[in-house]
N, C-alpha and C. Protein backbone atom coordinates (compact mmCIF):
# COMPACT_ATOMS: atom_id res chain seq x y z
N MET A 1 -0.87 18.72 3.99
CA MET A 1 -2.21 18.86 3.46
C MET A 1 -2.29 19.99 2.46
N ARG A 2 -1.68 21.14 2.81
CA ARG A 2 -1.71 22.30 1.92
C ARG A 2 -1.03 21.99 0.59
N LYS A 3 0.08 21.22 0.64
CA LYS A 3 0.78 20.86 -0.59
C LYS A 3 -0.09 19.97 -1.48
N ARG A 4 -0.84 19.05 -0.88
CA ARG A 4 -1.73 18.17 -1.66
C ARG A 4 -2.79 18.99 -2.40
N ILE A 5 -3.40 19.94 -1.69
CA ILE A 5 -4.44 20.76 -2.30
C ILE A 5 -3.87 21.58 -3.45
N LEU A 6 -2.69 22.19 -3.26
CA LEU A 6 -2.07 22.99 -4.31
C LEU A 6 -1.71 22.14 -5.52
N LEU A 7 -1.26 20.90 -5.29
CA LEU A 7 -0.91 20.01 -6.39
C LEU A 7 -2.14 19.66 -7.22
N ILE A 8 -3.26 19.35 -6.56
CA ILE A 8 -4.50 19.01 -7.27
C ILE A 8 -4.97 20.20 -8.10
N ILE A 9 -4.94 21.40 -7.51
CA ILE A 9 -5.38 22.59 -8.24
C ILE A 9 -4.48 22.88 -9.43
N ALA A 10 -3.16 22.70 -9.25
CA ALA A 10 -2.22 22.95 -10.34
C ALA A 10 -2.45 21.99 -11.50
N LEU A 11 -2.66 20.71 -11.20
CA LEU A 11 -2.90 19.73 -12.25
C LEU A 11 -4.19 20.03 -13.00
N LEU A 12 -5.22 20.42 -12.25
CA LEU A 12 -6.49 20.74 -12.89
C LEU A 12 -6.35 21.97 -13.78
N SER A 13 -5.64 23.00 -13.31
CA SER A 13 -5.47 24.21 -14.09
C SER A 13 -4.69 23.94 -15.37
N LEU A 14 -3.66 23.10 -15.29
CA LEU A 14 -2.89 22.75 -16.47
C LEU A 14 -3.74 22.01 -17.48
N SER A 15 -4.60 21.14 -17.00
CA SER A 15 -5.44 20.36 -17.89
C SER A 15 -6.50 21.21 -18.58
N PHE A 16 -7.01 22.22 -17.88
CA PHE A 16 -8.03 23.07 -18.45
C PHE A 16 -7.56 23.72 -19.76
N ALA A 17 -6.25 24.01 -19.84
CA ALA A 17 -5.74 24.71 -21.01
C ALA A 17 -5.90 23.86 -22.27
N GLN A 18 -6.00 22.53 -22.14
CA GLN A 18 -6.10 21.66 -23.28
C GLN A 18 -7.45 20.93 -23.36
N SER A 19 -8.37 21.28 -22.50
CA SER A 19 -9.60 20.50 -22.39
C SER A 19 -10.58 20.85 -23.48
N GLN A 20 -11.51 19.92 -23.74
CA GLN A 20 -12.56 20.11 -24.73
C GLN A 20 -13.90 20.39 -24.07
N GLU A 21 -14.01 20.12 -22.78
CA GLU A 21 -15.25 20.41 -22.06
C GLU A 21 -14.92 20.67 -20.60
N LEU A 22 -15.50 21.72 -20.05
CA LEU A 22 -15.42 21.99 -18.62
C LEU A 22 -16.80 21.74 -18.03
N TYR A 23 -16.84 21.24 -16.80
CA TYR A 23 -18.15 20.99 -16.19
C TYR A 23 -18.11 21.19 -14.69
N PHE A 24 -19.29 21.40 -14.13
CA PHE A 24 -19.46 21.50 -12.69
C PHE A 24 -20.69 20.70 -12.30
N LEU A 25 -20.51 19.79 -11.34
CA LEU A 25 -21.61 18.97 -10.82
C LEU A 25 -21.81 19.25 -9.34
N THR A 26 -23.05 19.22 -8.92
CA THR A 26 -23.36 19.31 -7.50
C THR A 26 -24.61 18.48 -7.23
N GLY A 27 -24.77 18.07 -5.98
CA GLY A 27 -25.93 17.25 -5.65
C GLY A 27 -25.84 16.71 -4.24
N SER A 28 -26.43 15.53 -4.03
CA SER A 28 -26.54 14.94 -2.70
C SER A 28 -25.85 13.59 -2.64
N ASN A 29 -25.18 13.35 -1.52
CA ASN A 29 -24.60 12.05 -1.20
C ASN A 29 -25.48 11.34 -0.17
N PHE A 30 -25.63 10.03 -0.35
CA PHE A 30 -26.31 9.18 0.63
C PHE A 30 -25.31 8.09 1.00
N THR A 31 -24.70 8.23 2.18
CA THR A 31 -23.54 7.42 2.56
C THR A 31 -23.87 6.44 3.66
N LYS A 32 -23.36 5.21 3.50
CA LYS A 32 -23.50 4.17 4.52
C LYS A 32 -22.10 3.69 4.91
N TYR A 33 -21.70 3.93 6.17
CA TYR A 33 -20.41 3.48 6.68
C TYR A 33 -20.52 2.04 7.20
N GLU A 34 -19.42 1.32 7.08
CA GLU A 34 -19.28 0.01 7.70
C GLU A 34 -18.05 0.05 8.61
N PHE A 35 -18.22 -0.44 9.83
CA PHE A 35 -17.15 -0.42 10.83
C PHE A 35 -16.76 -1.86 11.16
N ALA A 36 -15.47 -2.19 11.03
CA ALA A 36 -14.97 -3.53 11.34
C ALA A 36 -13.90 -3.43 12.42
N SER A 37 -13.98 -4.31 13.43
CA SER A 37 -13.03 -4.27 14.54
C SER A 37 -12.97 -5.64 15.20
N ASN A 38 -11.82 -5.94 15.82
CA ASN A 38 -11.70 -7.16 16.62
C ASN A 38 -12.41 -7.02 17.96
N ALA A 39 -12.67 -5.78 18.35
CA ALA A 39 -13.39 -5.51 19.59
C ALA A 39 -14.87 -5.75 19.38
N PRO A 40 -15.67 -5.73 20.45
CA PRO A 40 -17.12 -5.89 20.30
C PRO A 40 -17.70 -4.85 19.36
N THR A 41 -18.74 -5.20 18.65
CA THR A 41 -19.35 -4.30 17.68
C THR A 41 -19.95 -3.08 18.36
N MET A 42 -20.14 -2.01 17.60
CA MET A 42 -20.72 -0.78 18.14
C MET A 42 -22.13 -1.05 18.66
N SER A 43 -22.44 -0.47 19.81
CA SER A 43 -23.76 -0.68 20.40
C SER A 43 -24.84 0.06 19.63
N MET A 44 -24.43 1.09 18.84
CA MET A 44 -25.38 1.84 18.02
C MET A 44 -24.97 1.72 16.56
N PRO A 45 -25.56 0.80 15.81
CA PRO A 45 -25.18 0.63 14.40
C PRO A 45 -25.34 1.92 13.62
N LEU A 46 -24.38 2.22 12.76
CA LEU A 46 -24.41 3.43 11.95
C LEU A 46 -25.49 3.35 10.88
N GLN A 47 -26.20 4.45 10.71
CA GLN A 47 -27.23 4.55 9.68
C GLN A 47 -26.73 5.47 8.56
N SER A 48 -27.41 5.42 7.43
CA SER A 48 -27.03 6.25 6.29
C SER A 48 -27.18 7.72 6.64
N GLY A 49 -26.18 8.50 6.19
CA GLY A 49 -26.22 9.95 6.36
C GLY A 49 -26.26 10.64 5.01
N THR A 50 -26.69 11.89 5.00
CA THR A 50 -26.76 12.65 3.76
C THR A 50 -25.80 13.83 3.82
N GLY A 51 -25.37 14.28 2.65
CA GLY A 51 -24.47 15.42 2.55
C GLY A 51 -24.40 15.91 1.12
N MET A 52 -23.56 16.89 0.88
CA MET A 52 -23.43 17.50 -0.44
C MET A 52 -22.23 16.92 -1.18
N THR A 53 -22.30 16.99 -2.51
CA THR A 53 -21.17 16.63 -3.37
C THR A 53 -20.92 17.75 -4.37
N TYR A 54 -19.64 18.03 -4.62
CA TYR A 54 -19.24 19.04 -5.60
C TYR A 54 -18.13 18.46 -6.46
N GLU A 55 -18.20 18.74 -7.75
CA GLU A 55 -17.20 18.20 -8.68
C GLU A 55 -16.97 19.20 -9.80
N ILE A 56 -15.69 19.55 -10.05
CA ILE A 56 -15.35 20.42 -11.16
C ILE A 56 -14.24 19.73 -11.95
N GLY A 57 -14.42 19.66 -13.28
CA GLY A 57 -13.45 18.91 -14.06
C GLY A 57 -13.50 19.21 -15.53
N TYR A 58 -12.85 18.36 -16.28
CA TYR A 58 -12.80 18.53 -17.72
C TYR A 58 -12.92 17.19 -18.41
N VAL A 59 -13.29 17.26 -19.68
CA VAL A 59 -13.47 16.05 -20.49
C VAL A 59 -12.67 16.23 -21.78
N ARG A 60 -11.93 15.20 -22.15
CA ARG A 60 -11.22 15.20 -23.43
C ARG A 60 -11.68 14.01 -24.25
N PRO A 61 -12.09 14.22 -25.49
CA PRO A 61 -12.52 13.09 -26.32
C PRO A 61 -11.34 12.21 -26.69
N LEU A 62 -11.61 10.91 -26.83
CA LEU A 62 -10.61 9.95 -27.28
C LEU A 62 -10.85 9.63 -28.76
N PRO A 63 -9.86 9.06 -29.44
CA PRO A 63 -10.04 8.76 -30.87
C PRO A 63 -11.24 7.86 -31.17
N GLU A 64 -11.54 6.94 -30.28
CA GLU A 64 -12.69 6.06 -30.48
C GLU A 64 -13.98 6.85 -30.30
N LYS A 65 -14.88 6.78 -31.28
CA LYS A 65 -16.10 7.58 -31.26
C LYS A 65 -16.94 7.30 -30.01
N GLY A 66 -17.38 8.36 -29.37
CA GLY A 66 -18.24 8.25 -28.19
C GLY A 66 -17.49 8.16 -26.88
N PHE A 67 -16.20 7.86 -26.90
CA PHE A 67 -15.43 7.70 -25.67
C PHE A 67 -14.66 8.98 -25.34
N SER A 68 -14.51 9.23 -24.06
CA SER A 68 -13.76 10.38 -23.59
C SER A 68 -13.14 10.06 -22.23
N TYR A 69 -12.20 10.93 -21.83
CA TYR A 69 -11.49 10.78 -20.57
C TYR A 69 -11.81 11.97 -19.70
N LEU A 70 -12.07 11.74 -18.41
CA LEU A 70 -12.41 12.79 -17.47
C LEU A 70 -11.39 12.88 -16.35
N PHE A 71 -11.13 14.12 -15.92
CA PHE A 71 -10.37 14.36 -14.69
C PHE A 71 -11.07 15.44 -13.90
N ALA A 72 -11.16 15.29 -12.59
CA ALA A 72 -11.92 16.26 -11.79
C ALA A 72 -11.35 16.37 -10.39
N VAL A 73 -11.66 17.50 -9.77
CA VAL A 73 -11.45 17.71 -8.33
C VAL A 73 -12.81 17.60 -7.66
N THR A 74 -12.87 16.90 -6.54
CA THR A 74 -14.15 16.66 -5.86
C THR A 74 -14.09 17.09 -4.40
N LEU A 75 -15.25 17.45 -3.87
CA LEU A 75 -15.42 17.71 -2.45
C LEU A 75 -16.70 17.02 -2.02
N ASN A 76 -16.58 16.06 -1.11
CA ASN A 76 -17.73 15.23 -0.73
C ASN A 76 -17.94 15.21 0.78
N ASN A 77 -19.20 15.38 1.18
CA ASN A 77 -19.60 15.09 2.56
C ASN A 77 -19.93 13.60 2.65
N GLN A 78 -19.26 12.90 3.55
CA GLN A 78 -19.57 11.49 3.81
C GLN A 78 -19.98 11.41 5.28
N ASN A 79 -21.27 11.47 5.53
CA ASN A 79 -21.79 11.60 6.89
C ASN A 79 -22.48 10.33 7.36
N ALA A 80 -22.66 10.24 8.68
CA ALA A 80 -23.32 9.06 9.25
C ALA A 80 -24.07 9.47 10.52
N LEU A 81 -25.09 8.67 10.84
CA LEU A 81 -25.91 8.89 12.02
C LEU A 81 -26.08 7.59 12.78
N ALA A 82 -26.30 7.71 14.08
CA ALA A 82 -26.65 6.55 14.90
C ALA A 82 -27.38 7.07 16.13
N GLY A 83 -28.11 6.19 16.79
CA GLY A 83 -28.78 6.65 17.99
C GLY A 83 -29.72 5.62 18.57
N ILE A 84 -29.94 5.76 19.86
CA ILE A 84 -30.95 5.00 20.58
C ILE A 84 -31.77 6.00 21.38
N ALA A 85 -32.65 5.54 22.22
CA ALA A 85 -33.58 6.44 22.89
C ALA A 85 -32.87 7.55 23.68
N ALA A 86 -31.75 7.24 24.33
CA ALA A 86 -31.12 8.22 25.22
C ALA A 86 -29.85 8.83 24.63
N THR A 87 -29.40 8.35 23.49
CA THR A 87 -28.10 8.77 22.97
C THR A 87 -28.17 8.98 21.46
N THR A 88 -27.54 10.06 20.99
CA THR A 88 -27.42 10.30 19.55
C THR A 88 -25.95 10.44 19.18
N TYR A 89 -25.64 10.09 17.95
CA TYR A 89 -24.27 9.95 17.50
C TYR A 89 -24.22 10.40 16.05
N GLU A 90 -23.23 11.24 15.69
CA GLU A 90 -23.19 11.76 14.33
C GLU A 90 -21.75 11.99 13.89
N TRP A 91 -21.45 11.63 12.63
CA TRP A 91 -20.20 12.00 11.98
C TRP A 91 -20.51 12.98 10.86
N SER A 92 -19.77 14.08 10.82
CA SER A 92 -19.88 15.06 9.75
C SER A 92 -18.48 15.27 9.17
N THR A 93 -18.29 14.95 7.88
CA THR A 93 -16.95 14.97 7.29
C THR A 93 -16.96 15.62 5.91
N LYS A 94 -15.77 16.07 5.48
CA LYS A 94 -15.55 16.55 4.13
C LYS A 94 -14.26 15.91 3.61
N TYR A 95 -14.33 15.35 2.39
CA TYR A 95 -13.17 14.74 1.75
C TYR A 95 -12.86 15.49 0.45
N LEU A 96 -11.58 15.91 0.31
CA LEU A 96 -11.11 16.54 -0.92
C LEU A 96 -10.38 15.49 -1.74
N GLY A 97 -10.72 15.41 -3.04
CA GLY A 97 -10.12 14.34 -3.85
C GLY A 97 -9.91 14.73 -5.29
N GLY A 98 -9.21 13.86 -5.98
CA GLY A 98 -9.05 13.95 -7.43
C GLY A 98 -9.52 12.64 -8.03
N GLN A 99 -10.14 12.70 -9.19
CA GLN A 99 -10.65 11.48 -9.80
C GLN A 99 -10.45 11.49 -11.31
N SER A 100 -10.35 10.30 -11.86
CA SER A 100 -10.27 10.12 -13.31
C SER A 100 -11.24 9.02 -13.71
N ALA A 101 -11.74 9.11 -14.95
CA ALA A 101 -12.75 8.16 -15.39
C ALA A 101 -12.76 8.06 -16.90
N LEU A 102 -13.26 6.95 -17.37
CA LEU A 102 -13.53 6.74 -18.79
C LEU A 102 -15.03 6.87 -19.00
N GLN A 103 -15.43 7.64 -20.02
CA GLN A 103 -16.85 7.89 -20.26
C GLN A 103 -17.23 7.50 -21.68
N TYR A 104 -18.45 6.96 -21.81
CA TYR A 104 -19.01 6.68 -23.13
C TYR A 104 -20.33 7.42 -23.25
N SER A 105 -20.51 8.14 -24.35
CA SER A 105 -21.72 8.92 -24.57
C SER A 105 -22.42 8.46 -25.84
N TYR A 106 -23.75 8.49 -25.79
CA TYR A 106 -24.56 8.06 -26.94
C TYR A 106 -25.63 9.12 -27.19
N THR A 107 -25.69 9.62 -28.42
CA THR A 107 -26.66 10.65 -28.78
C THR A 107 -27.98 10.01 -29.21
N ILE A 108 -29.06 10.42 -28.57
CA ILE A 108 -30.40 9.92 -28.90
C ILE A 108 -31.07 10.85 -29.90
N THR A 109 -31.09 12.14 -29.60
CA THR A 109 -31.61 13.17 -30.50
C THR A 109 -30.63 14.34 -30.44
N PRO A 110 -30.78 15.34 -31.31
CA PRO A 110 -29.91 16.51 -31.21
C PRO A 110 -29.98 17.23 -29.86
N LEU A 111 -31.06 17.04 -29.14
CA LEU A 111 -31.23 17.71 -27.85
C LEU A 111 -30.98 16.80 -26.65
N LEU A 112 -30.86 15.51 -26.87
CA LEU A 112 -30.79 14.57 -25.75
C LEU A 112 -29.74 13.49 -25.99
N SER A 113 -28.94 13.22 -24.96
CA SER A 113 -27.96 12.14 -25.02
C SER A 113 -27.82 11.52 -23.63
N VAL A 114 -27.23 10.34 -23.60
CA VAL A 114 -26.95 9.67 -22.33
C VAL A 114 -25.49 9.28 -22.29
N SER A 115 -24.94 9.14 -21.10
CA SER A 115 -23.55 8.75 -20.96
C SER A 115 -23.37 7.90 -19.71
N ALA A 116 -22.35 7.08 -19.74
CA ALA A 116 -21.98 6.24 -18.60
C ALA A 116 -20.49 6.38 -18.37
N ARG A 117 -20.09 6.32 -17.10
CA ARG A 117 -18.67 6.47 -16.79
C ARG A 117 -18.29 5.58 -15.63
N GLY A 118 -17.01 5.25 -15.58
CA GLY A 118 -16.47 4.47 -14.49
C GLY A 118 -15.03 4.87 -14.25
N GLY A 119 -14.62 4.92 -13.00
CA GLY A 119 -13.26 5.35 -12.70
C GLY A 119 -12.93 5.20 -11.24
N VAL A 120 -12.00 6.01 -10.77
CA VAL A 120 -11.53 5.91 -9.39
C VAL A 120 -11.29 7.31 -8.82
N ASN A 121 -11.61 7.47 -7.56
CA ASN A 121 -11.40 8.72 -6.83
C ASN A 121 -10.43 8.45 -5.68
N VAL A 122 -9.43 9.32 -5.52
CA VAL A 122 -8.50 9.25 -4.39
C VAL A 122 -8.67 10.52 -3.58
N SER A 123 -8.99 10.40 -2.30
CA SER A 123 -9.32 11.58 -1.49
C SER A 123 -8.69 11.48 -0.11
N THR A 124 -8.74 12.61 0.60
CA THR A 124 -8.26 12.67 1.97
C THR A 124 -9.21 13.56 2.78
N ILE A 125 -9.37 13.27 4.05
CA ILE A 125 -10.29 14.03 4.88
C ILE A 125 -9.68 15.39 5.20
N ILE A 126 -10.46 16.47 5.07
CA ILE A 126 -10.00 17.82 5.40
C ILE A 126 -10.82 18.42 6.53
N TYR A 127 -11.95 17.80 6.86
CA TYR A 127 -12.78 18.26 7.97
C TYR A 127 -13.55 17.06 8.49
N GLY A 128 -13.60 16.93 9.82
CA GLY A 128 -14.37 15.84 10.40
C GLY A 128 -14.69 16.08 11.86
N LYS A 129 -15.96 15.95 12.21
CA LYS A 129 -16.39 16.12 13.59
C LYS A 129 -17.31 14.97 14.00
N GLN A 130 -17.11 14.50 15.22
CA GLN A 130 -18.01 13.53 15.82
C GLN A 130 -18.79 14.24 16.93
N ASN A 131 -20.10 14.10 16.90
CA ASN A 131 -20.96 14.69 17.92
C ASN A 131 -21.65 13.57 18.67
N LEU A 132 -21.28 13.38 19.93
CA LEU A 132 -21.90 12.37 20.78
C LEU A 132 -22.56 13.08 21.94
N ASP A 133 -23.87 13.27 21.82
CA ASP A 133 -24.66 13.96 22.85
C ASP A 133 -24.06 15.32 23.20
N GLY A 134 -23.60 16.06 22.20
CA GLY A 134 -23.06 17.39 22.43
C GLY A 134 -21.56 17.43 22.65
N ALA A 135 -20.92 16.30 22.89
CA ALA A 135 -19.46 16.25 23.04
C ALA A 135 -18.84 16.13 21.66
N ILE A 136 -17.96 17.08 21.28
CA ILE A 136 -17.40 17.15 19.95
C ILE A 136 -15.97 16.60 19.94
N LEU A 137 -15.69 15.72 18.95
CA LEU A 137 -14.36 15.15 18.76
C LEU A 137 -13.91 15.42 17.33
N ASP A 138 -12.66 15.87 17.17
CA ASP A 138 -12.09 16.10 15.84
C ASP A 138 -11.68 14.75 15.24
N LEU A 139 -12.19 14.45 14.03
CA LEU A 139 -11.92 13.16 13.38
C LEU A 139 -10.74 13.20 12.41
N VAL A 140 -10.24 14.40 12.08
CA VAL A 140 -9.23 14.53 11.03
C VAL A 140 -7.98 13.70 11.32
N HIS A 141 -7.60 13.63 12.59
CA HIS A 141 -6.37 12.92 12.94
C HIS A 141 -6.63 11.53 13.53
N GLN A 142 -7.87 11.07 13.48
CA GLN A 142 -8.18 9.72 13.94
C GLN A 142 -7.72 8.72 12.88
N LYS A 143 -7.10 7.62 13.33
CA LYS A 143 -6.48 6.68 12.39
C LYS A 143 -7.47 6.06 11.42
N GLU A 144 -8.74 5.92 11.82
CA GLU A 144 -9.73 5.32 10.93
C GLU A 144 -10.09 6.25 9.77
N PHE A 145 -9.86 7.57 9.92
CA PHE A 145 -10.30 8.54 8.92
C PHE A 145 -9.14 9.15 8.12
N LYS A 146 -8.01 9.39 8.75
CA LYS A 146 -6.94 10.13 8.08
C LYS A 146 -6.24 9.26 7.02
N GLY A 147 -5.47 9.91 6.17
CA GLY A 147 -4.76 9.20 5.11
C GLY A 147 -5.53 9.22 3.81
N LEU A 148 -5.19 8.31 2.92
CA LEU A 148 -5.77 8.26 1.58
C LEU A 148 -6.92 7.26 1.51
N TRP A 149 -8.01 7.71 0.89
CA TRP A 149 -9.17 6.86 0.64
C TRP A 149 -9.28 6.59 -0.85
N LEU A 150 -9.46 5.33 -1.21
CA LEU A 150 -9.63 4.93 -2.61
C LEU A 150 -11.10 4.56 -2.83
N SER A 151 -11.72 5.18 -3.86
CA SER A 151 -13.14 4.98 -4.11
C SER A 151 -13.40 4.70 -5.58
N PRO A 152 -13.47 3.43 -5.99
CA PRO A 152 -13.94 3.14 -7.36
C PRO A 152 -15.39 3.58 -7.49
N PHE A 153 -15.78 4.05 -8.68
CA PHE A 153 -17.15 4.54 -8.86
C PHE A 153 -17.63 4.28 -10.28
N MET A 154 -18.94 4.34 -10.44
CA MET A 154 -19.57 4.27 -11.75
C MET A 154 -20.81 5.14 -11.71
N GLY A 155 -21.23 5.60 -12.89
CA GLY A 155 -22.38 6.47 -12.92
C GLY A 155 -22.99 6.58 -14.30
N VAL A 156 -24.22 7.06 -14.36
CA VAL A 156 -24.92 7.31 -15.61
C VAL A 156 -25.55 8.69 -15.52
N GLN A 157 -25.71 9.35 -16.67
CA GLN A 157 -26.36 10.65 -16.66
C GLN A 157 -27.09 10.89 -17.98
N THR A 158 -28.12 11.71 -17.90
CA THR A 158 -28.86 12.17 -19.06
C THR A 158 -28.49 13.62 -19.32
N ASN A 159 -28.20 13.94 -20.59
CA ASN A 159 -27.73 15.27 -20.96
C ASN A 159 -28.77 15.98 -21.82
N PHE A 160 -29.02 17.25 -21.49
CA PHE A 160 -30.00 18.05 -22.19
C PHE A 160 -29.29 19.24 -22.83
N ASN A 161 -29.20 19.26 -24.15
CA ASN A 161 -28.47 20.31 -24.85
C ASN A 161 -29.24 21.63 -24.82
N LEU A 162 -28.54 22.69 -24.43
CA LEU A 162 -29.10 24.03 -24.48
C LEU A 162 -28.69 24.75 -25.76
N SER A 163 -27.48 24.45 -26.22
CA SER A 163 -26.94 25.03 -27.46
C SER A 163 -25.79 24.14 -27.91
N GLN A 164 -25.07 24.56 -28.93
CA GLN A 164 -23.93 23.78 -29.40
C GLN A 164 -22.76 23.83 -28.42
N SER A 165 -22.77 24.78 -27.52
CA SER A 165 -21.61 24.96 -26.64
C SER A 165 -21.86 24.62 -25.18
N ASN A 166 -23.10 24.34 -24.79
CA ASN A 166 -23.32 24.00 -23.38
C ASN A 166 -24.57 23.14 -23.23
N TYR A 167 -24.62 22.39 -22.12
CA TYR A 167 -25.77 21.54 -21.83
C TYR A 167 -25.87 21.30 -20.33
N LEU A 168 -27.01 20.80 -19.92
CA LEU A 168 -27.28 20.43 -18.54
C LEU A 168 -27.33 18.92 -18.41
N SER A 169 -27.07 18.41 -17.20
CA SER A 169 -27.12 16.96 -16.99
C SER A 169 -27.77 16.63 -15.65
N LEU A 170 -28.35 15.45 -15.59
CA LEU A 170 -28.90 14.89 -14.36
C LEU A 170 -28.40 13.46 -14.27
N GLY A 171 -27.72 13.11 -13.17
CA GLY A 171 -27.06 11.81 -13.12
C GLY A 171 -27.17 11.11 -11.78
N TYR A 172 -26.80 9.83 -11.82
CA TYR A 172 -26.76 8.97 -10.63
C TYR A 172 -25.40 8.30 -10.57
N GLY A 173 -24.82 8.24 -9.38
CA GLY A 173 -23.52 7.59 -9.22
C GLY A 173 -23.50 6.67 -8.01
N TYR A 174 -22.62 5.68 -8.07
CA TYR A 174 -22.45 4.73 -6.96
C TYR A 174 -20.95 4.51 -6.76
N SER A 175 -20.49 4.55 -5.51
CA SER A 175 -19.07 4.35 -5.23
C SER A 175 -18.88 3.64 -3.90
N GLY A 176 -17.71 3.08 -3.73
CA GLY A 176 -17.33 2.46 -2.46
C GLY A 176 -15.98 2.97 -2.05
N GLY A 177 -15.80 3.33 -0.77
CA GLY A 177 -14.55 3.89 -0.29
C GLY A 177 -13.86 3.01 0.73
N MET A 178 -12.53 2.92 0.59
CA MET A 178 -11.72 2.18 1.57
C MET A 178 -10.48 2.99 1.91
N ASN A 179 -10.04 2.90 3.15
CA ASN A 179 -8.88 3.66 3.62
C ASN A 179 -7.62 2.85 3.36
N LEU A 180 -6.74 3.39 2.48
CA LEU A 180 -5.50 2.70 2.13
C LEU A 180 -4.42 2.86 3.19
N SER A 181 -4.57 3.84 4.08
CA SER A 181 -3.51 4.17 5.02
C SER A 181 -3.68 3.53 6.40
N ASN A 182 -4.86 3.03 6.69
CA ASN A 182 -5.15 2.50 8.02
C ASN A 182 -4.81 1.02 8.09
N ASN A 183 -3.82 0.67 8.92
CA ASN A 183 -3.47 -0.74 9.12
C ASN A 183 -3.76 -1.20 10.55
N SER A 184 -4.66 -0.49 11.23
CA SER A 184 -5.01 -0.85 12.60
C SER A 184 -6.09 -1.92 12.59
N ASP A 185 -6.50 -2.35 13.78
CA ASP A 185 -7.54 -3.37 13.91
C ASP A 185 -8.94 -2.80 13.68
N GLU A 186 -9.06 -1.48 13.74
CA GLU A 186 -10.35 -0.83 13.52
C GLU A 186 -10.37 -0.21 12.14
N ARG A 187 -11.30 -0.65 11.30
CA ARG A 187 -11.33 -0.20 9.90
C ARG A 187 -12.71 0.32 9.54
N LEU A 188 -12.70 1.36 8.69
CA LEU A 188 -13.93 1.91 8.16
C LEU A 188 -13.95 1.77 6.65
N SER A 189 -15.12 1.59 6.11
CA SER A 189 -15.35 1.67 4.67
C SER A 189 -16.74 2.27 4.48
N PHE A 190 -17.04 2.70 3.27
CA PHE A 190 -18.37 3.24 3.04
C PHE A 190 -18.80 3.01 1.60
N THR A 191 -20.10 3.05 1.40
CA THR A 191 -20.68 3.08 0.06
C THR A 191 -21.52 4.34 -0.04
N THR A 192 -21.52 4.93 -1.22
CA THR A 192 -22.22 6.19 -1.42
C THR A 192 -23.03 6.16 -2.71
N GLN A 193 -24.26 6.61 -2.63
CA GLN A 193 -25.08 6.85 -3.81
C GLN A 193 -25.22 8.36 -3.99
N GLN A 194 -25.13 8.82 -5.24
CA GLN A 194 -25.16 10.24 -5.53
C GLN A 194 -26.26 10.58 -6.54
N ILE A 195 -26.90 11.71 -6.33
CA ILE A 195 -27.76 12.34 -7.32
C ILE A 195 -27.11 13.68 -7.66
N GLN A 196 -26.78 13.89 -8.94
CA GLN A 196 -26.01 15.07 -9.33
C GLN A 196 -26.69 15.84 -10.46
N PHE A 197 -26.62 17.17 -10.35
CA PHE A 197 -27.05 18.07 -11.41
C PHE A 197 -25.81 18.78 -11.94
N GLY A 198 -25.68 18.89 -13.29
CA GLY A 198 -24.47 19.45 -13.85
C GLY A 198 -24.69 20.52 -14.89
N ILE A 199 -23.68 21.39 -15.01
CA ILE A 199 -23.59 22.39 -16.06
C ILE A 199 -22.30 22.13 -16.84
N HIS A 200 -22.39 22.04 -18.17
CA HIS A 200 -21.26 21.66 -19.00
C HIS A 200 -21.03 22.69 -20.10
N PHE A 201 -19.75 23.01 -20.35
CA PHE A 201 -19.39 24.01 -21.35
C PHE A 201 -18.37 23.40 -22.32
N ASN A 202 -18.69 23.37 -23.59
CA ASN A 202 -17.75 22.91 -24.60
C ASN A 202 -16.74 23.99 -24.92
N VAL A 203 -15.47 23.60 -25.07
CA VAL A 203 -14.39 24.54 -25.36
C VAL A 203 -13.76 24.13 -26.67
N ASN A 204 -13.74 25.00 -27.65
CA ASN A 204 -13.16 24.69 -28.96
C ASN A 204 -11.68 25.02 -28.99
């Protein structure tokens, strides 16, 4: 795990030296898990959970006007809730990942632009707890959670220029996650909607 984290940080640091834009996004995740098994279904269906999202990355323009390439490191809470009158159930998790995307931006006015992006995120769980009526279980080594998660995503954002060198953004994203490492009979997947606020810095 430590080697994976160091590799992601090293790649990001190397890329920063050649990047044209650095950015930081943060906001909220709204996650819905789906559980599939040959066994009887869960007696308490999972409900959508909320959590935080963090993303730091860079953007490099491509030769085609308006298009650019993004690479980022992400940290996402993918949480879930369930419960009935006498029992409550909760998953609290953190996934560390790296993602790449293709982005297209369109300028509306000198102060306002919009952009759309689509790409893929590859992540692994670094923290996970299950709380069942106060009984705590570590999820990091559970087969349904551990390993690599693949999450295709797409998003749109509105950009507000503060100056020639920096701007703010407000965006929406949608992604779906699947575990590439789990080959057991019990499988998890999730879909996530994101609301993100960003700070962006142009680098000449």
